[in-house]
């Protein structure tokens, strides 16, 4: 019943600075890449009002999930102390080096209550990802965000023989990627059943893991859980690990000598997969593959190692294979019995029949695939076909190349345990063969397919590497995705182990 009134104007000022709060941060970043958007920390009073204080603020890692018995964990780099401007401290050049989910940052300033950020997941920017055709681990080469420089090699999955490259044989849960412990920077990596190898920019080869058959190439049979140099002082262009043997191609020094573009192999040799004309004698150091039907003369540009066989591509496009040939995986048109078995093993390179000029080859456990260098880039496969891994709409073993169904133009191809995968020139991923563990990535496990089926999703791949019961692919945006069996954490995706029927980003 009374008339109102209005006071004179007055200001509300914040109380004295009392605490810190994270006001901006990303939830996902790439390992060793710039943390963006920039992390900002505000200085607030006890009632949570923003202030204009100019206190120095320091950030550091709080929760650090990348911890092992032999390393202190991930590290935070950049300018870690900033003077607040208008009550806001901005950290615009932070980097976290090691990938893992669940990092948090802490912020502190003298006399002020500190703060903890929300979770930050650190992912990988990858140049290459490698899976073994008979094994349960995966390795990758990481790069800077723009892909210009290799940073480190990471591996994850089973580690019973030290194949992850760390000074322990402990296997880590939740698929955590661990950095291979070496001073070397590898430009490529390859994985065998229980060993791994890397190649430096200078062409030096290093291997680690199981060495019972000399597959590490260091003139011993002692396992090593950290990389050891491959003996022989060779300069290699490319390297590939098989089940328990390893092969590599030497570089060309322009002198046209006996070392130019030659294949060397070492390790397990019961079926002639070393290619030195013998069987039964393991080789503890790299040994040059014999000429066979012309491999030395033609000069090699690529080698690919399967379970017990090896294949190489020559500079003229010819394909050569040697070693175990029970299912016709050498592609030399050897006579098979009514069941498609009993091919003749070869301890020296044999020319793959059919007159195909290959752009690349990919050896699986008991089969081999290749992409033709002819227009249209068709693919063909040969060898064991019990699950349709040859891709010709049949399940009969073949000892000479047969066309992969579909008429696709392929840019890469890879043989796995009992399946195959490839990427078309448009970046679409396809797989075919066994699907008992979701290997085909078509969300249709456990139905096998004897012809290519598209990997689900809209990812654009530049390569898919077919493994034992899992696959991993690198996209054109330098991200890695894996799918299939995950019983040992080989998919690199934290969470419960099991089967993932569709691509899942590693370390997400």
Protein backbone atom coordinates (compact mmCIF):
# COMPACT_ATOMS: atom_id res chain seq x y z
CA UNK A 1 0.00 0.00 0.00
CA UNK A 2 3.10 2.22 0.02
CA UNK A 3 4.90 3.82 -2.89
CA UNK A 4 8.25 2.25 -3.80
CA UNK A 5 11.64 3.87 -4.01
CA UNK A 6 14.98 3.27 -5.71
CA UNK A 7 18.39 3.55 -4.09
CA UNK A 8 21.28 5.43 -5.50
CA UNK A 9 23.63 3.44 -7.70
CA UNK A 10 26.33 1.29 -6.21
CA UNK A 11 29.05 -1.05 -7.60
CA UNK A 12 29.67 -4.69 -6.73
CA UNK A 13 33.34 -5.59 -6.74
CA UNK A 14 34.67 -9.11 -6.43
CA UNK A 15 36.12 -10.11 -3.13
CA UNK A 16 39.81 -10.84 -2.83
CA UNK A 17 41.20 -13.52 -5.16
CA UNK A 18 40.66 -16.91 -3.48
CA UNK A 19 40.70 -19.79 -5.96
CA UNK A 20 41.40 -21.01 -9.49
CA UNK A 21 39.06 -22.60 -12.04
CA UNK A 22 39.64 -24.10 -15.49
CA UNK A 23 37.48 -22.09 -17.88
CA UNK A 24 38.57 -23.64 -21.21
CA UNK A 25 40.25 -26.94 -22.18
CA UNK A 26 39.93 -29.60 -24.89
CA UNK A 27 38.66 -33.11 -24.21
CA UNK A 28 40.75 -34.78 -26.93
CA UNK A 29 44.21 -33.90 -28.25
CA UNK A 30 46.92 -35.62 -30.26
CA UNK A 31 50.09 -36.91 -28.65
CA UNK A 32 52.93 -34.34 -28.79
CA UNK A 33 50.70 -31.97 -30.76
CA UNK A 34 49.66 -28.49 -29.64
CA UNK A 35 46.86 -28.65 -27.07
CA UNK A 36 44.02 -26.74 -28.70
CA UNK A 37 41.96 -24.83 -27.88
CA UNK A 38 44.33 -23.18 -25.46
CA UNK A 39 43.88 -24.02 -21.80
CA UNK A 40 42.65 -21.05 -19.75
CA UNK A 41 42.50 -20.70 -15.97
CA UNK A 42 40.52 -17.92 -14.25
CA UNK A 43 41.16 -16.43 -10.85
CA UNK A 44 37.93 -16.19 -8.80
CA UNK A 45 36.89 -14.93 -5.40
CA UNK A 46 35.38 -17.09 -2.68
CA UNK A 47 31.88 -16.54 -4.12
CA UNK A 48 33.03 -17.74 -7.58
CA UNK A 49 33.02 -14.25 -9.11
CA UNK A 50 35.63 -13.51 -11.79
CA UNK A 51 38.41 -11.17 -10.70
CA UNK A 52 40.95 -9.00 -12.49
CA UNK A 53 43.87 -10.40 -10.52
CA UNK A 54 47.32 -10.71 -12.08
CA UNK A 55 48.71 -13.61 -10.06
CA UNK A 56 51.12 -16.07 -11.71
CA UNK A 57 49.45 -19.44 -12.38
CA UNK A 58 51.27 -22.76 -12.94
CA UNK A 59 49.81 -25.86 -14.59
CA UNK A 60 51.06 -29.43 -14.32
CA UNK A 61 49.86 -32.98 -14.92
CA UNK A 62 47.60 -34.27 -12.15
CA UNK A 63 46.28 -37.70 -13.20
CA UNK A 64 48.96 -39.29 -15.38
CA UNK A 65 47.65 -42.61 -16.75
CA UNK A 66 50.77 -43.44 -18.79
CA UNK A 67 52.59 -45.10 -15.93
CA UNK A 68 54.67 -48.26 -15.99
CA UNK A 69 57.25 -49.76 -13.66
CA UNK A 70 60.05 -48.42 -15.85
CA UNK A 71 58.93 -44.94 -16.85
CA UNK A 72 57.49 -41.95 -14.97
CA UNK A 73 54.63 -41.45 -17.39
CA UNK A 74 53.61 -38.76 -19.82
CA UNK A 75 55.08 -35.30 -19.67
CA UNK A 76 53.63 -31.83 -20.13
CA UNK A 77 55.68 -29.40 -22.20
CA UNK A 78 55.35 -25.72 -23.01
CA UNK A 79 55.18 -22.54 -20.93
CA UNK A 80 53.80 -23.90 -17.68
CA UNK A 81 53.61 -20.61 -15.73
CA UNK A 82 51.68 -17.60 -17.01
CA UNK A 83 50.79 -14.23 -15.47
CA UNK A 84 47.04 -13.75 -15.43
CA UNK A 85 45.74 -10.82 -17.49
CA UNK A 86 42.40 -9.50 -16.34
CA UNK A 87 42.03 -12.52 -14.11
CA UNK A 88 42.71 -15.06 -16.90
CA UNK A 89 45.90 -17.08 -17.42
CA UNK A 90 46.15 -18.47 -20.96
CA UNK A 91 48.35 -21.46 -21.79
CA UNK A 92 48.63 -21.58 -25.59
CA UNK A 93 51.62 -23.83 -26.22
CA UNK A 94 51.07 -26.93 -24.08
CA UNK A 95 51.82 -30.46 -25.36
CA UNK A 96 51.36 -33.91 -23.78
CA UNK A 97 53.71 -36.48 -25.29
CA UNK A 98 52.33 -39.94 -24.51
CA UNK A 99 48.88 -41.14 -25.62
CA UNK A 100 46.41 -42.45 -23.06
CA UNK A 101 42.88 -41.69 -21.89
CA UNK A 102 42.27 -39.88 -18.63
CA UNK A 103 44.91 -37.18 -18.19
CA UNK A 104 43.96 -34.22 -15.99
CA UNK A 105 45.75 -30.93 -15.35
CA UNK A 106 46.18 -29.14 -12.05
CA UNK A 107 46.46 -25.37 -11.67
CA UNK A 108 48.15 -23.71 -8.72
CA UNK A 109 49.03 -20.22 -7.55
CA UNK A 110 50.52 -19.12 -4.22
CA UNK A 111 47.86 -18.43 -1.53
CA UNK A 112 45.02 -19.48 -3.88
CA UNK A 113 43.08 -22.73 -3.82
CA UNK A 114 44.12 -24.85 -6.79
CA UNK A 115 41.93 -26.53 -9.43
CA UNK A 116 41.83 -29.74 -11.44
CA UNK A 117 40.69 -29.91 -15.04
CA UNK A 118 38.22 -32.36 -16.50
CA UNK A 119 39.56 -35.38 -18.37
CA UNK A 120 41.78 -34.96 -21.42
CA UNK A 121 42.31 -37.94 -23.74
CA UNK A 122 45.58 -37.96 -25.68
CA UNK A 123 45.36 -39.78 -29.01
CA UNK A 124 47.91 -40.78 -31.65
CA UNK A 125 48.68 -39.12 -34.97
CA UNK A 126 50.05 -42.02 -36.97
CA UNK A 127 52.16 -42.47 -40.06
CA UNK A 128 51.82 -46.26 -40.08
CA UNK A 129 50.15 -49.02 -38.09
CA UNK A 130 51.26 -52.68 -38.25
CA UNK A 131 49.50 -55.87 -37.18
CA UNK A 132 50.94 -59.43 -37.39
CA UNK A 133 49.21 -62.08 -39.47
CA UNK A 134 49.73 -64.48 -36.57
CA UNK A 135 50.05 -62.56 -33.31
CA UNK A 136 48.27 -60.47 -30.71
CA UNK A 137 49.97 -57.09 -30.63
CA UNK A 138 50.03 -53.94 -32.74
CA UNK A 139 52.62 -51.21 -33.31
CA UNK A 140 52.45 -47.73 -34.83
CA UNK A 141 54.73 -44.89 -35.85
CA UNK A 142 53.56 -41.52 -34.54
CA UNK A 143 54.24 -38.20 -36.18
CA UNK A 144 53.77 -34.53 -35.57
CA UNK A 145 50.26 -33.26 -36.18
CA UNK A 146 51.09 -32.35 -39.79
CA UNK A 147 52.81 -35.69 -40.38
CA UNK A 148 56.12 -34.04 -41.21
CA UNK A 149 58.33 -35.72 -38.61
CA UNK A 150 58.34 -39.15 -36.99
CA UNK A 151 58.24 -38.88 -33.21
CA UNK A 152 58.18 -42.32 -31.65
CA UNK A 153 57.07 -45.95 -31.96
CA UNK A 154 54.26 -47.26 -29.77
CA UNK A 155 53.05 -50.84 -29.32
CA UNK A 156 50.14 -52.39 -27.45
CA UNK A 157 48.62 -55.81 -26.82
CA UNK A 158 50.29 -59.06 -25.77
CA UNK A 159 53.81 -58.71 -24.39
CA UNK A 160 54.78 -62.18 -23.19
CA UNK A 161 58.04 -62.10 -25.14
CA UNK A 162 58.81 -58.41 -24.95
CA UNK A 163 57.36 -57.62 -28.38
CA UNK A 164 56.10 -54.23 -27.15
CA UNK A 165 59.69 -53.02 -26.87
CA UNK A 166 59.77 -52.15 -23.17
CA UNK A 167 62.08 -53.64 -20.52
CA UNK A 168 59.47 -56.00 -19.12
CA UNK A 169 57.31 -58.88 -20.36
CA UNK A 170 54.29 -57.60 -18.45
CA UNK A 171 51.16 -57.17 -20.54
CA UNK A 172 49.26 -53.95 -19.87
CA UNK A 173 45.53 -53.88 -19.39
CA UNK A 174 43.03 -51.69 -21.21
CA UNK A 175 45.05 -51.61 -24.40
CA UNK A 176 47.40 -48.87 -23.23
CA UNK A 177 49.98 -47.95 -25.85
CA UNK A 178 53.53 -48.01 -24.54
CA UNK A 179 56.46 -46.26 -26.16
CA UNK A 180 59.19 -48.53 -27.50
CA UNK A 181 62.24 -47.86 -25.34
CA UNK A 182 64.97 -46.83 -27.74
CA UNK A 183 66.91 -43.76 -28.74
CA UNK A 184 66.21 -44.62 -32.39
CA UNK A 185 63.49 -42.88 -34.37
CA UNK A 186 61.91 -45.42 -36.71
CA UNK A 187 60.38 -44.45 -40.03
CA UNK A 188 58.58 -47.79 -40.41
CA UNK A 189 57.62 -50.67 -38.15
CA UNK A 190 56.58 -54.29 -38.73
CA UNK A 191 55.16 -56.97 -36.44
CA UNK A 192 55.68 -60.74 -36.42
CA UNK A 193 54.01 -63.34 -34.26
CA UNK A 194 55.99 -62.52 -31.12
CA UNK A 195 58.55 -60.01 -32.33
CA UNK A 196 58.66 -56.56 -33.91
CA UNK A 197 61.16 -54.64 -36.03
CA UNK A 198 61.74 -51.03 -36.99
CA UNK A 199 63.73 -49.27 -39.68
CA UNK A 200 65.46 -45.90 -39.25
CA UNK A 201 65.76 -43.18 -41.87
CA UNK A 202 69.40 -44.23 -42.33
CA UNK A 203 68.33 -47.78 -43.22
CA UNK A 204 69.40 -49.43 -39.95
CA UNK A 205 67.17 -52.29 -38.76
CA UNK A 206 66.34 -53.04 -35.13
CA UNK A 207 64.19 -55.86 -33.74
CA UNK A 208 62.81 -56.86 -30.34
CA UNK A 209 60.79 -59.65 -28.73
CA UNK A 210 61.07 -63.41 -29.14
CA UNK A 211 64.34 -64.63 -30.60
CA UNK A 212 64.26 -68.41 -30.22
CA UNK A 213 64.85 -68.85 -33.95
CA UNK A 214 67.13 -65.87 -34.55
CA UNK A 215 64.36 -63.64 -35.92
CA UNK A 216 65.90 -60.58 -34.25
CA UNK A 217 68.94 -60.98 -36.52
CA UNK A 218 71.56 -60.15 -33.87
CA UNK A 219 73.46 -63.46 -34.02
CA UNK A 220 71.81 -64.91 -30.93
CA UNK A 221 68.70 -66.76 -29.79
CA UNK A 222 68.17 -64.67 -26.66
CA UNK A 223 64.94 -62.72 -26.38
CA UNK A 224 65.18 -58.96 -26.04
CA UNK A 225 62.40 -56.75 -24.70
CA UNK A 226 64.11 -53.64 -26.08
CA UNK A 227 65.30 -53.06 -29.67
CA UNK A 228 68.64 -54.59 -30.68
CA UNK A 229 70.51 -53.83 -33.89
CA UNK A 230 70.24 -56.34 -36.72
CA UNK A 231 73.73 -57.51 -37.60
CA UNK A 232 75.55 -57.26 -40.90
CA UNK A 233 75.81 -53.48 -41.39
CA UNK A 234 73.32 -53.57 -44.26
CA UNK A 235 71.41 -50.48 -45.35
CA UNK A 236 67.78 -51.45 -45.78
CA UNK A 237 64.99 -49.85 -47.77
CA UNK A 238 62.09 -51.89 -46.36
CA UNK A 239 61.54 -54.61 -43.76
CA UNK A 240 58.78 -57.11 -42.98
CA UNK A 241 58.35 -59.63 -40.15
CA UNK A 242 56.77 -63.04 -40.61
CA UNK A 243 55.76 -65.61 -38.01
CA UNK A 244 59.30 -66.31 -36.76
CA UNK A 245 61.45 -64.95 -39.56
CA UNK A 246 62.22 -61.49 -40.87
CA UNK A 247 63.19 -60.19 -44.30
CA UNK A 248 64.36 -56.86 -45.67
CA UNK A 249 65.34 -55.24 -48.98
CA UNK A 250 68.61 -53.33 -49.24
CA UNK A 251 68.79 -49.86 -50.73
CA UNK A 252 70.44 -48.97 -54.01
CA UNK A 253 73.66 -46.98 -53.68
CA UNK A 254 73.86 -46.25 -57.39
CA UNK A 255 76.93 -48.42 -57.90
CA UNK A 256 74.98 -51.36 -59.32
CA UNK A 257 76.80 -53.82 -57.09
CA UNK A 258 75.74 -57.09 -55.51
CA UNK A 259 74.13 -55.29 -52.54
CA UNK A 260 71.71 -53.21 -54.62
CA UNK A 261 68.02 -53.98 -54.00
CA UNK A 262 68.61 -57.49 -52.71
CA UNK A 263 66.49 -59.46 -50.25
CA UNK A 264 68.01 -60.66 -46.98
CA UNK A 265 66.21 -62.93 -44.52
CA UNK A 266 66.93 -64.38 -41.08
CA UNK A 267 65.25 -66.54 -38.44
CA UNK A 268 63.13 -69.68 -38.68
CA UNK A 269 63.75 -71.83 -41.76
CA UNK A 270 62.05 -75.28 -41.66
CA UNK A 271 60.39 -74.84 -45.06
CA UNK A 272 62.92 -72.70 -46.94
CA UNK A 273 61.31 -69.35 -46.10
CA UNK A 274 64.78 -67.80 -45.65
CA UNK A 275 65.34 -68.39 -49.37
CA UNK A 276 69.00 -69.41 -49.18
CA UNK A 277 68.45 -72.76 -50.89
CA UNK A 278 68.34 -74.73 -47.63
CA UNK A 279 65.72 -75.98 -45.19
CA UNK A 280 65.90 -76.84 -41.52
CA UNK A 281 68.71 -74.48 -40.48
CA UNK A 282 67.71 -71.29 -38.72
CA UNK A 283 69.72 -68.18 -39.61
CA UNK A 284 70.79 -65.82 -36.82
CA UNK A 285 72.06 -63.07 -39.13
CA UNK A 286 70.73 -61.65 -42.41
CA UNK A 287 71.48 -63.98 -45.31
CA UNK A 288 71.06 -62.98 -48.93
CA UNK A 289 68.27 -64.75 -50.77
CA UNK A 290 69.50 -66.75 -53.75
CA UNK A 291 68.57 -65.87 -57.30
CA UNK A 292 66.10 -68.71 -57.86
CA UNK A 293 64.23 -67.93 -61.04
CA UNK A 294 65.69 -64.45 -61.44
CA UNK A 295 64.99 -62.40 -58.29
CA UNK A 296 68.58 -61.20 -57.79
CA UNK A 297 68.91 -60.16 -61.40
CA UNK A 298 65.57 -58.36 -61.44
CA UNK A 299 66.31 -56.54 -58.15
CA UNK A 300 63.69 -56.31 -55.42
CA UNK A 301 61.64 -53.30 -54.34
CA UNK A 302 59.45 -54.96 -51.67
CA UNK A 303 59.43 -58.06 -49.50
CA UNK A 304 56.48 -59.49 -47.54
CA UNK A 305 56.71 -62.34 -45.04
CA UNK A 306 53.88 -64.75 -44.29
CA UNK A 307 53.61 -67.51 -41.72
CA UNK A 308 56.13 -69.87 -43.34
CA UNK A 309 56.62 -68.32 -46.76
CA UNK A 310 58.03 -65.12 -48.22
CA UNK A 311 57.33 -63.13 -51.37
CA UNK A 312 59.07 -60.24 -53.09
CA UNK A 313 58.27 -57.79 -55.83
CA UNK A 314 60.97 -57.03 -58.38
CA UNK A 315 61.61 -53.69 -60.05
CA UNK A 316 60.17 -55.07 -63.29
CA UNK A 317 56.90 -55.98 -61.51
CA UNK A 318 57.50 -59.72 -61.33
CA UNK A 319 56.43 -61.50 -58.15
CA UNK A 320 58.58 -64.16 -56.52
CA UNK A 321 57.72 -66.44 -53.59
CA UNK A 322 59.49 -69.18 -51.63
CA UNK A 323 59.05 -71.39 -48.56
CA UNK A 324 56.01 -73.38 -47.46
CA UNK A 325 53.66 -74.18 -50.34
CA UNK A 326 51.20 -76.75 -49.02
CA UNK A 327 48.20 -74.68 -50.07
CA UNK A 328 49.72 -73.15 -53.22
CA UNK A 329 50.62 -69.85 -51.54
CA UNK A 330 53.77 -69.47 -53.66
CA UNK A 331 51.65 -68.92 -56.77
CA UNK A 332 53.90 -71.09 -58.96
CA UNK A 333 51.03 -73.24 -60.30
CA UNK A 334 52.32 -76.27 -58.43
CA UNK A 335 50.03 -79.28 -58.77
CA UNK A 336 47.57 -79.62 -55.88
CA UNK A 337 45.57 -82.73 -54.97
CA UNK A 338 41.81 -83.02 -55.12
CA UNK A 339 41.56 -81.16 -51.81
CA UNK A 340 43.80 -78.34 -53.01
CA UNK A 341 46.76 -79.36 -50.85
CA UNK A 342 50.29 -80.80 -51.08
CA UNK A 343 52.06 -78.10 -53.04
CA UNK A 344 55.84 -78.47 -53.23
CA UNK A 345 57.89 -76.31 -50.84
CA UNK A 346 60.65 -74.18 -52.36
CA UNK A 347 63.84 -72.94 -50.68
CA UNK A 348 64.64 -70.52 -53.51
CA UNK A 349 62.48 -67.83 -55.14
CA UNK A 350 59.91 -69.03 -57.66
CA UNK A 351 58.29 -66.76 -60.22
CA UNK A 352 54.58 -66.15 -59.60
CA UNK A 353 52.80 -67.35 -62.72
CA UNK A 354 50.33 -65.43 -64.83
CA UNK A 355 52.53 -62.69 -66.24
CA UNK A 356 51.17 -60.10 -63.79
CA UNK A 357 53.15 -56.93 -63.25
CA UNK A 358 52.63 -56.27 -59.55
CA UNK A 359 52.55 -52.88 -57.86
CA UNK A 360 52.63 -54.49 -54.40
CA UNK A 361 52.26 -57.83 -52.62
CA UNK A 362 50.86 -58.87 -49.23
CA UNK A 363 51.50 -62.27 -47.67
CA UNK A 364 49.03 -63.77 -45.18
CA UNK A 365 49.39 -66.92 -43.14
CA UNK A 366 48.91 -69.39 -45.98
CA UNK A 367 47.87 -67.15 -48.85
CA UNK A 368 49.21 -64.21 -50.80
CA UNK A 369 47.61 -61.25 -52.56
CA UNK A 370 48.89 -58.67 -55.01
CA UNK A 371 47.80 -55.52 -56.83
CA UNK A 372 48.46 -55.26 -60.53
CA UNK A 373 50.33 -52.25 -61.89
CA UNK A 374 48.13 -52.30 -64.99
CA UNK A 375 45.36 -49.70 -65.54
CA UNK A 376 42.46 -50.25 -63.16
CA UNK A 377 44.75 -51.73 -60.48
CA UNK A 378 42.91 -55.05 -60.10
CA UNK A 379 43.90 -57.43 -57.29
CA UNK A 380 44.50 -61.16 -57.28
CA UNK A 381 45.15 -63.72 -54.54
CA UNK A 382 46.30 -67.32 -54.31
CA UNK A 383 46.86 -70.09 -51.75
CA UNK A 384 44.65 -71.29 -48.94
CA UNK A 385 41.00 -70.34 -49.41
CA UNK A 386 39.10 -72.27 -46.74
CA UNK A 387 37.35 -69.13 -45.51
CA UNK A 388 37.19 -67.26 -48.81
CA UNK A 389 40.37 -65.22 -48.13
CA UNK A 390 41.31 -65.39 -51.82
CA UNK A 391 38.19 -63.37 -52.57
CA UNK A 392 37.07 -65.12 -55.75
CA UNK A 393 33.61 -66.22 -54.51
CA UNK A 394 34.90 -69.73 -53.81
CA UNK A 395 36.53 -71.68 -50.98
CA UNK A 396 38.89 -73.89 -52.99
CA UNK A 397 42.67 -73.52 -52.63
CA UNK A 398 44.46 -72.22 -55.74
CA UNK A 399 48.16 -72.29 -56.65
CA UNK A 400 48.11 -69.45 -59.18
CA UNK A 401 46.67 -65.92 -59.00
CA UNK A 402 42.90 -65.53 -59.38
CA UNK A 403 41.12 -62.20 -59.58
CA UNK A 404 39.54 -60.74 -56.46
CA UNK A 405 35.84 -60.32 -57.15
CA UNK A 406 34.30 -56.89 -57.60
CA UNK A 407 36.39 -55.16 -60.23
CA UNK A 408 37.72 -52.59 -57.75
CA UNK A 409 40.78 -50.44 -58.33
CA UNK A 410 43.06 -51.07 -55.35
CA UNK A 411 45.73 -48.90 -53.76
CA UNK A 412 46.85 -51.32 -51.01
CA UNK A 413 46.27 -54.94 -50.00
CA UNK A 414 47.20 -57.08 -47.02
CA UNK A 415 46.90 -60.75 -46.09
CA UNK A 416 45.90 -61.76 -42.57
CA UNK A 417 45.52 -65.09 -40.85
CA UNK A 418 42.50 -66.40 -42.78
CA UNK A 419 41.24 -63.16 -44.29
CA UNK A 420 42.43 -60.29 -46.45
CA UNK A 421 41.85 -56.55 -46.54
CA UNK A 422 42.41 -53.84 -49.10
CA UNK A 423 41.81 -50.17 -49.77
CA UNK A 424 40.52 -48.86 -53.08
CA UNK A 425 41.95 -45.86 -54.86
CA UNK A 426 39.04 -43.84 -53.44
CA UNK A 427 39.95 -44.76 -49.85
CA UNK A 428 37.18 -47.29 -49.18
CA UNK A 429 38.16 -50.27 -47.03
CA UNK A 430 37.11 -53.83 -47.89
CA UNK A 431 37.85 -57.17 -46.24
CA UNK A 432 37.03 -60.77 -47.12
CA UNK A 433 37.46 -64.27 -45.69
CA UNK A 434 37.07 -65.40 -42.09
CA UNK A 435 34.84 -63.25 -39.89
CA UNK A 436 34.66 -65.31 -36.71
CA UNK A 437 36.03 -62.43 -34.66
CA UNK A 438 34.68 -59.49 -36.62
CA UNK A 439 37.75 -59.29 -38.86
CA UNK A 440 35.75 -58.03 -41.83
CA UNK A 441 34.55 -54.94 -39.99
CA UNK A 442 31.10 -55.21 -41.54
CA UNK A 443 29.20 -55.55 -38.25
CA UNK A 444 28.11 -59.02 -39.38
CA UNK A 445 30.27 -61.36 -37.30
CA UNK A 446 30.51 -64.38 -37.51
CA UNK A 447 29.52 -64.64 -41.21
CA UNK A 448 32.48 -65.29 -43.54
CA UNK A 449 32.59 -63.81 -47.04
CA UNK A 450 34.37 -65.13 -50.12
CA UNK A 451 34.20 -61.72 -51.78
CA UNK A 452 35.09 -58.21 -50.55
CA UNK A 453 32.63 -56.59 -48.15
CA UNK A 454 32.89 -52.94 -47.23
CA UNK A 455 34.18 -51.96 -43.82
CA UNK A 456 31.30 -50.05 -42.25
CA UNK A 457 31.44 -46.33 -41.65
CA UNK A 458 32.60 -43.32 -43.61
CA UNK A 459 36.32 -43.55 -42.84
CA UNK A 460 38.68 -42.81 -45.72
CA UNK A 461 41.67 -45.15 -45.44
CA UNK A 462 45.06 -45.03 -47.04
CA UNK A 463 45.92 -48.55 -45.81
CA UNK A 464 44.49 -51.44 -43.80
CA UNK A 465 46.88 -53.95 -42.25
CA UNK A 466 45.29 -57.38 -41.85
CA UNK A 467 46.34 -59.22 -38.69
CA UNK A 468 45.76 -62.56 -37.04
CA UNK A 469 42.20 -62.02 -35.83
CA UNK A 470 42.19 -58.23 -35.95
CA UNK A 471 42.95 -55.41 -38.35
CA UNK A 472 44.08 -51.83 -38.04
CA UNK A 473 43.81 -49.11 -40.65
CA UNK A 474 45.27 -45.64 -41.04
CA UNK A 475 42.98 -42.95 -42.38
CA UNK A 476 43.95 -40.10 -44.67
CA UNK A 477 43.67 -37.84 -41.60
CA UNK A 478 46.47 -39.81 -39.87
CA UNK A 479 44.21 -41.55 -37.37
CA UNK A 480 44.29 -45.28 -36.61
CA UNK A 481 41.24 -47.51 -36.21
CA UNK A 482 41.20 -51.20 -35.29
CA UNK A 483 38.58 -53.95 -35.18
CA UNK A 484 38.24 -57.69 -34.59
CA UNK A 485 39.48 -59.74 -31.64
CA UNK A 486 40.69 -57.81 -28.60
CA UNK A 487 41.49 -60.52 -26.05
CA UNK A 488 44.98 -59.15 -25.48
CA UNK A 489 44.32 -55.45 -25.94
CA UNK A 490 45.63 -55.51 -29.53
CA UNK A 491 42.94 -53.09 -30.72
CA UNK A 492 44.40 -50.24 -28.67
CA UNK A 493 40.97 -49.16 -27.49
CA UNK A 494 40.57 -48.90 -23.71
CA UNK A 495 37.72 -50.81 -22.18
CA UNK A 496 36.65 -54.39 -21.80
CA UNK A 497 38.37 -56.96 -23.98
CA UNK A 498 36.30 -58.82 -26.51
CA UNK A 499 35.24 -58.51 -30.15
CA UNK A 500 34.69 -55.21 -31.90
CA UNK A 501 32.88 -55.71 -35.19
CA UNK A 502 33.40 -52.18 -36.50
CA UNK A 503 36.40 -49.81 -36.58
CA UNK A 504 37.21 -48.22 -33.23
CA UNK A 505 39.74 -45.44 -32.90
CA UNK A 506 42.79 -46.41 -30.89
CA UNK A 507 43.44 -44.58 -27.61
CA UNK A 508 40.18 -42.70 -27.73
